[in-house]
Protein backbone atom coordinates (compact mmCIF):
# COMPACT_ATOMS: atom_id res chain seq x y z
CA MET A 1 -159.16 76.07 10.17
CA ILE A 2 -155.66 74.49 10.21
CA ARG A 3 -153.88 74.66 13.55
CA CYS A 4 -150.11 74.05 14.26
CA GLN A 5 -148.50 73.59 17.50
CA LYS A 6 -144.76 74.17 18.10
CA VAL A 7 -143.71 72.57 21.04
CA ARG A 8 -140.47 72.76 23.19
CA ILE A 9 -139.65 69.80 25.25
CA TYR A 10 -137.11 68.72 27.72
CA PRO A 11 -136.56 65.05 27.15
CA THR A 12 -134.83 62.43 29.21
CA ASP A 13 -131.77 60.54 27.85
CA ASP A 14 -133.81 57.79 26.67
CA GLN A 15 -136.27 60.07 24.93
CA LYS A 16 -133.20 62.10 23.34
CA GLU A 17 -132.05 58.69 21.81
CA LEU A 18 -135.47 58.04 20.36
CA PHE A 19 -135.63 61.58 18.83
CA GLU A 20 -132.16 61.19 17.50
CA LYS A 21 -133.10 57.93 15.84
CA SER A 22 -136.04 59.77 14.45
CA PHE A 23 -133.82 62.44 12.91
CA GLY A 24 -131.55 59.87 11.47
CA VAL A 25 -134.33 57.88 9.84
CA ALA A 26 -135.91 61.24 8.26
CA ARG A 27 -132.25 62.31 7.15
CA PHE A 28 -131.63 58.66 5.71
CA ALA A 29 -134.94 58.38 3.88
CA TRP A 30 -134.31 61.83 2.42
CA ASN A 31 -131.03 60.95 0.96
CA ILE A 32 -132.09 57.67 -0.47
CA ALA A 33 -135.05 59.15 -2.05
CA LEU A 34 -133.10 61.97 -3.46
CA GLN A 35 -130.50 59.41 -4.89
CA GLU A 36 -133.31 57.35 -6.34
CA SER A 37 -135.19 60.38 -7.70
CA ILE A 38 -132.05 61.71 -9.46
CA GLY A 39 -131.23 58.18 -10.96
CA MET A 40 -134.71 57.40 -11.99
CA LYS A 41 -135.98 61.00 -12.97
CA GLU A 42 -138.88 60.39 -10.68
CA TYR A 43 -140.01 63.44 -8.78
CA ASN A 44 -143.35 62.85 -7.25
CA GLY A 45 -143.21 62.46 -3.63
CA ARG A 46 -146.06 60.13 -3.20
CA LYS A 47 -144.53 57.77 -5.77
CA LEU A 48 -141.34 58.04 -4.18
CA ARG A 49 -142.54 57.08 -0.80
CA LYS A 50 -144.23 54.10 -2.36
CA LYS A 51 -141.13 52.97 -3.86
CA PHE A 52 -139.33 53.63 -0.72
CA ASN A 53 -141.87 51.51 1.38
CA ASN A 54 -141.69 48.66 -1.15
CA LEU A 55 -137.98 48.37 -1.84
CA VAL A 56 -135.97 50.16 0.89
CA LYS A 57 -137.69 49.71 4.14
CA PRO A 58 -137.58 45.88 4.13
CA LEU A 59 -133.74 46.03 3.80
CA TYR A 60 -133.37 48.15 7.08
CA PRO A 61 -135.21 46.65 9.81
CA TRP A 62 -133.89 49.21 12.37
CA MET A 63 -136.33 51.80 10.82
CA LYS A 64 -139.24 50.11 12.62
CA GLU A 65 -137.81 51.57 15.79
CA THR A 66 -139.40 54.95 14.97
CA ILE A 67 -142.77 56.06 13.76
CA SER A 68 -143.42 55.85 10.23
CA GLN A 69 -144.28 59.66 9.86
CA SER A 70 -140.52 60.49 10.49
CA TYR A 71 -139.47 59.11 7.09
CA ALA A 72 -142.65 59.50 5.03
CA ASN A 73 -142.87 63.29 5.71
CA SER A 74 -139.47 63.63 4.78
CA ILE A 75 -140.01 61.91 1.41
CA LEU A 76 -143.04 64.08 0.83
CA ASP A 77 -141.12 67.37 1.64
CA LEU A 78 -138.51 66.06 -1.02
CA GLY A 79 -141.30 65.97 -3.50
CA LYS A 80 -142.37 69.60 -2.51
CA ALA A 81 -138.63 70.68 -2.96
CA TRP A 82 -138.60 69.19 -6.56
CA ASP A 83 -141.91 70.98 -7.41
CA ARG A 84 -140.40 74.27 -6.13
CA MET A 85 -137.21 73.70 -8.08
CA PHE A 86 -139.28 73.06 -11.31
CA GLN A 87 -141.64 76.18 -10.83
CA SER A 88 -138.32 78.39 -10.40
CA LYS A 89 -137.07 76.90 -13.71
CA LYS A 90 -140.29 77.73 -15.54
CA LYS A 91 -140.57 81.27 -13.70
CA THR A 92 -143.86 80.56 -12.29
CA ARG A 93 -142.78 80.56 -8.63
CA LYS A 94 -142.98 83.66 -6.46
CA GLY A 95 -140.08 84.64 -4.51
CA TYR A 96 -136.65 83.70 -4.68
CA LYS A 97 -135.20 81.11 -7.07
CA VAL A 98 -134.55 77.68 -5.64
CA GLY A 99 -132.05 74.89 -6.92
CA GLN A 100 -131.94 71.13 -6.94
CA PRO A 101 -132.70 69.60 -3.45
CA ARG A 102 -129.41 68.66 -1.86
CA PHE A 103 -128.36 65.74 0.39
CA LYS A 104 -128.71 66.26 4.27
CA SER A 105 -125.74 65.83 6.53
CA LYS A 106 -125.72 64.77 10.13
CA HIS A 107 -123.38 67.78 10.71
CA ASN A 108 -124.59 70.63 8.60
CA SER A 109 -128.18 70.46 8.57
CA LYS A 110 -131.07 71.27 10.98
CA GLN A 111 -132.18 68.15 12.79
CA SER A 112 -135.84 67.66 12.63
CA PHE A 113 -138.69 65.57 11.48
CA THR A 114 -142.44 66.23 11.26
CA MET A 115 -145.51 64.40 13.00
CA ILE A 116 -149.01 65.06 11.74
CA GLU A 117 -151.83 64.29 13.88
CA ILE A 118 -155.37 65.24 13.07
CA ARG A 119 -157.40 65.46 16.23
CA PRO A 120 -160.38 67.52 17.42
CA ARG A 121 -158.49 69.08 20.23
CA PRO A 122 -154.95 70.20 19.41
CA GLN A 123 -153.94 69.44 23.25
CA GLN A 124 -154.18 65.61 22.33
CA THR A 125 -150.84 64.39 20.53
CA PRO A 126 -150.72 60.80 21.04
CA MET A 127 -147.50 60.38 18.88
CA LEU A 128 -145.49 62.86 21.16
CA GLU A 129 -146.98 61.08 24.10
CA TRP A 130 -145.55 57.92 22.93
CA TYR A 131 -142.21 59.48 22.38
CA LEU A 132 -142.31 61.06 25.96
CA MET A 133 -143.36 57.67 27.51
CA ASN A 134 -140.68 55.40 25.77
C-alpha cells in the first residue's frame, strides 16, 4: 500500500530560508531542464536528470545547500508533463487536454518541492527532521 502524508508545519526564520532555497532550486532545475529539453528534443525525465547532474549541477555550487530530491523530483515531474502532453496530442490521454510545459516563475507559481522517503513507519521522516533541525 502506498501512503502519503501531507504535513502543515510552522517553521522558524532559518527554516523558512531553507525552504525558500529548496523552492528556488526546484524551480531553477525545472526551468533549465525545460530549456534543454526544448532545445535538444529530449523528453525523458530520467535522461534529463542525468544530463542535469553531469552538466549543470557542477556549475552551481549553491545547489548543494539543499537536498538533492528538491531538484531531482522536479525534473522527473517535467518528464511526466511531457508524457501527458504527447498523450493529449495522440488522443490517448483521458481527461482534459494539456499543452506544452511552461517555465515556472517565482511570483506566478505555487512554491513547492517533493521529498520522497520510503520508511516502514510513515511517522519517520528524516529529511523533514533535517530541515526542521537546521
